[in-house]
Amino acid sequence: MEELLRVYGPGSAPAAHGWYALIGQPETLVILERMENAPFLLRSQWEKELETVFLDDLESAWGPRVYLSR
């Protein structure tokens, strides 16, 4: 998590361009936990309510996981 914040969080080059908007937000901890434990449920619920670009960016920053191969 510390590395994630350092590389992509507030004050980083990607953040300066508006990318990885969720990193640095308090809810990110909960989202990362759901990515690890219920990724398909997270994505299906997310797609109903929010733009997927935010979740896609966070998944990319968090690193490759088996479930990312859709």
C-alpha atoms as a PDB file:
ATOM      1  CA  MET A   1       0.000   0.000   0.000  1.00  0.00           C
ATOM      2  CA  GLU A   2       2.848   2.361   0.837  1.00  0.00           C
ATOM      3  CA  GLU A   3       4.433   1.755  -2.575  1.00  0.00           C
ATOM      4  CA  LEU A   4       1.062   2.263  -4.264  1.00  0.00           C
ATOM      5  CA  LEU A   5       0.665   5.659  -2.605  1.00  0.00           C
ATOM      6  CA  ARG A   6       4.223   6.698  -3.349  1.00  0.00           C
ATOM      7  CA  VAL A   7       4.106   5.825  -7.048  1.00  0.00           C
ATOM      8  CA  TYR A   8       0.502   6.710  -7.925  1.00  0.00           C
ATOM      9  CA  GLY A   9      -0.882   8.778  -5.044  1.00  0.00           C
ATOM     10  CA  PRO A  10      -1.198  12.499  -4.423  1.00  0.00           C
ATOM     11  CA  GLY A  11       1.870  14.414  -5.567  1.00  0.00           C
ATOM     12  CA  SER A  12       2.964  11.729  -8.059  1.00  0.00           C
ATOM     13  CA  ALA A  13       3.343  12.304 -11.795  1.00  0.00           C
ATOM     14  CA  PRO A  14       0.289  10.163 -12.689  1.00  0.00           C
ATOM     15  CA  ALA A  15      -1.838  12.005 -10.128  1.00  0.00           C
ATOM     16  CA  ALA A  16      -0.781  15.331 -11.602  1.00  0.00           C
ATOM     17  CA  HIS A  17      -2.399  14.214 -14.866  1.00  0.00           C
ATOM     18  CA  GLY A  18      -5.610  13.149 -13.147  1.00  0.00           C
ATOM     19  CA  TRP A  19      -4.956   9.410 -13.345  1.00  0.00           C
ATOM     20  CA  TYR A  20      -5.447   6.963 -10.494  1.00  0.00           C
ATOM     21  CA  ALA A  21      -7.978   9.233  -8.833  1.00  0.00           C
ATOM     22  CA  LEU A  22      -8.956   6.664  -6.188  1.00  0.00           C
ATOM     23  CA  ILE A  23      -5.456   6.192  -4.805  1.00  0.00           C
ATOM     24  CA  GLY A  24      -5.097   8.270  -1.681  1.00  0.00           C
ATOM     25  CA  GLN A  25      -8.811   8.161  -0.914  1.00  0.00           C
ATOM     26  CA  PRO A  26      -9.836   6.445   2.339  1.00  0.00           C
ATOM     27  CA  GLU A  27     -12.230   4.099   0.540  1.00  0.00           C
ATOM     28  CA  THR A  28      -9.331   2.636  -1.436  1.00  0.00           C
ATOM     29  CA  LEU A  29      -8.543   0.236   1.418  1.00  0.00           C
ATOM     30  CA  VAL A  30     -12.019  -1.263   1.187  1.00  0.00           C
ATOM     31  CA  ILE A  31     -11.885  -1.456  -2.596  1.00  0.00           C
ATOM     32  CA  LEU A  32      -8.508  -3.211  -2.515  1.00  0.00           C
ATOM     33  CA  GLU A  33      -9.842  -5.700   0.019  1.00  0.00           C
ATOM     34  CA  ARG A  34     -12.786  -6.451  -2.303  1.00  0.00           C
ATOM     35  CA  MET A  35     -10.389  -6.793  -5.247  1.00  0.00           C
ATOM     36  CA  GLU A  36      -8.548  -9.482  -3.348  1.00  0.00           C
ATOM     37  CA  ASN A  37     -11.531 -11.342  -1.922  1.00  0.00           C
ATOM     38  CA  ALA A  38     -14.515 -10.800  -4.234  1.00  0.00           C
ATOM     39  CA  PRO A  39     -13.230  -9.318  -7.499  1.00  0.00           C
ATOM     40  CA  PHE A  40     -16.094 -10.409  -9.742  1.00  0.00           C
ATOM     41  CA  LEU A  41     -18.729  -9.190  -7.314  1.00  0.00           C
ATOM     42  CA  LEU A  42     -16.903  -5.867  -6.964  1.00  0.00           C
ATOM     43  CA  ARG A  43     -16.734  -5.363 -10.707  1.00  0.00           C
ATOM     44  CA  SER A  44     -20.352  -6.355 -11.344  1.00  0.00           C
ATOM     45  CA  GLN A  45     -21.609  -3.937  -8.691  1.00  0.00           C
ATOM     46  CA  TRP A  46     -19.197  -1.205  -9.756  1.00  0.00           C
ATOM     47  CA  GLU A  47     -20.329  -1.346 -13.379  1.00  0.00           C
ATOM     48  CA  LYS A  48     -23.910  -0.680 -12.277  1.00  0.00           C
ATOM     49  CA  GLU A  49     -23.023   2.583 -10.530  1.00  0.00           C
ATOM     50  CA  LEU A  50     -19.655   4.040 -11.558  1.00  0.00           C
ATOM     51  CA  GLU A  51     -17.304   4.548 -14.479  1.00  0.00           C
ATOM     52  CA  THR A  52     -14.995   1.564 -14.805  1.00  0.00           C
ATOM     53  CA  VAL A  53     -11.959   3.705 -15.621  1.00  0.00           C
ATOM     54  CA  PHE A  54     -11.468   4.381 -11.896  1.00  0.00           C
ATOM     55  CA  LEU A  55     -11.525   0.692 -11.025  1.00  0.00           C
ATOM     56  CA  ASP A  56      -9.392  -0.194 -14.047  1.00  0.00           C
ATOM     57  CA  ASP A  57      -6.713   2.301 -12.975  1.00  0.00           C
ATOM     58  CA  LEU A  58      -6.711   0.974  -9.430  1.00  0.00           C
ATOM     59  CA  GLU A  59      -6.495  -2.643 -10.627  1.00  0.00           C
ATOM     60  CA  SER A  60      -3.585  -1.712 -12.862  1.00  0.00           C
ATOM     61  CA  ALA A  61      -1.713   0.038 -10.052  1.00  0.00           C
ATOM     62  CA  TRP A  62      -2.401  -2.715  -7.518  1.00  0.00           C
ATOM     63  CA  GLY A  63      -0.796  -5.219  -9.843  1.00  0.00           C
ATOM     64  CA  PRO A  64      -1.664  -8.235 -11.912  1.00  0.00           C
ATOM     65  CA  ARG A  65      -3.992 -10.757 -10.373  1.00  0.00           C
ATOM     66  CA  VAL A  66      -5.438 -13.934 -11.797  1.00  0.00           C
ATOM     67  CA  TYR A  67      -8.908 -12.411 -12.055  1.00  0.00           C
ATOM     68  CA  LEU A  68      -7.693  -9.592 -14.287  1.00  0.00           C
ATOM     69  CA  SER A  69      -7.557 -11.947 -17.271  1.00  0.00           C
ATOM     70  CA  ARG A  70     -11.108 -11.585 -18.424  1.00  0.00           C
END
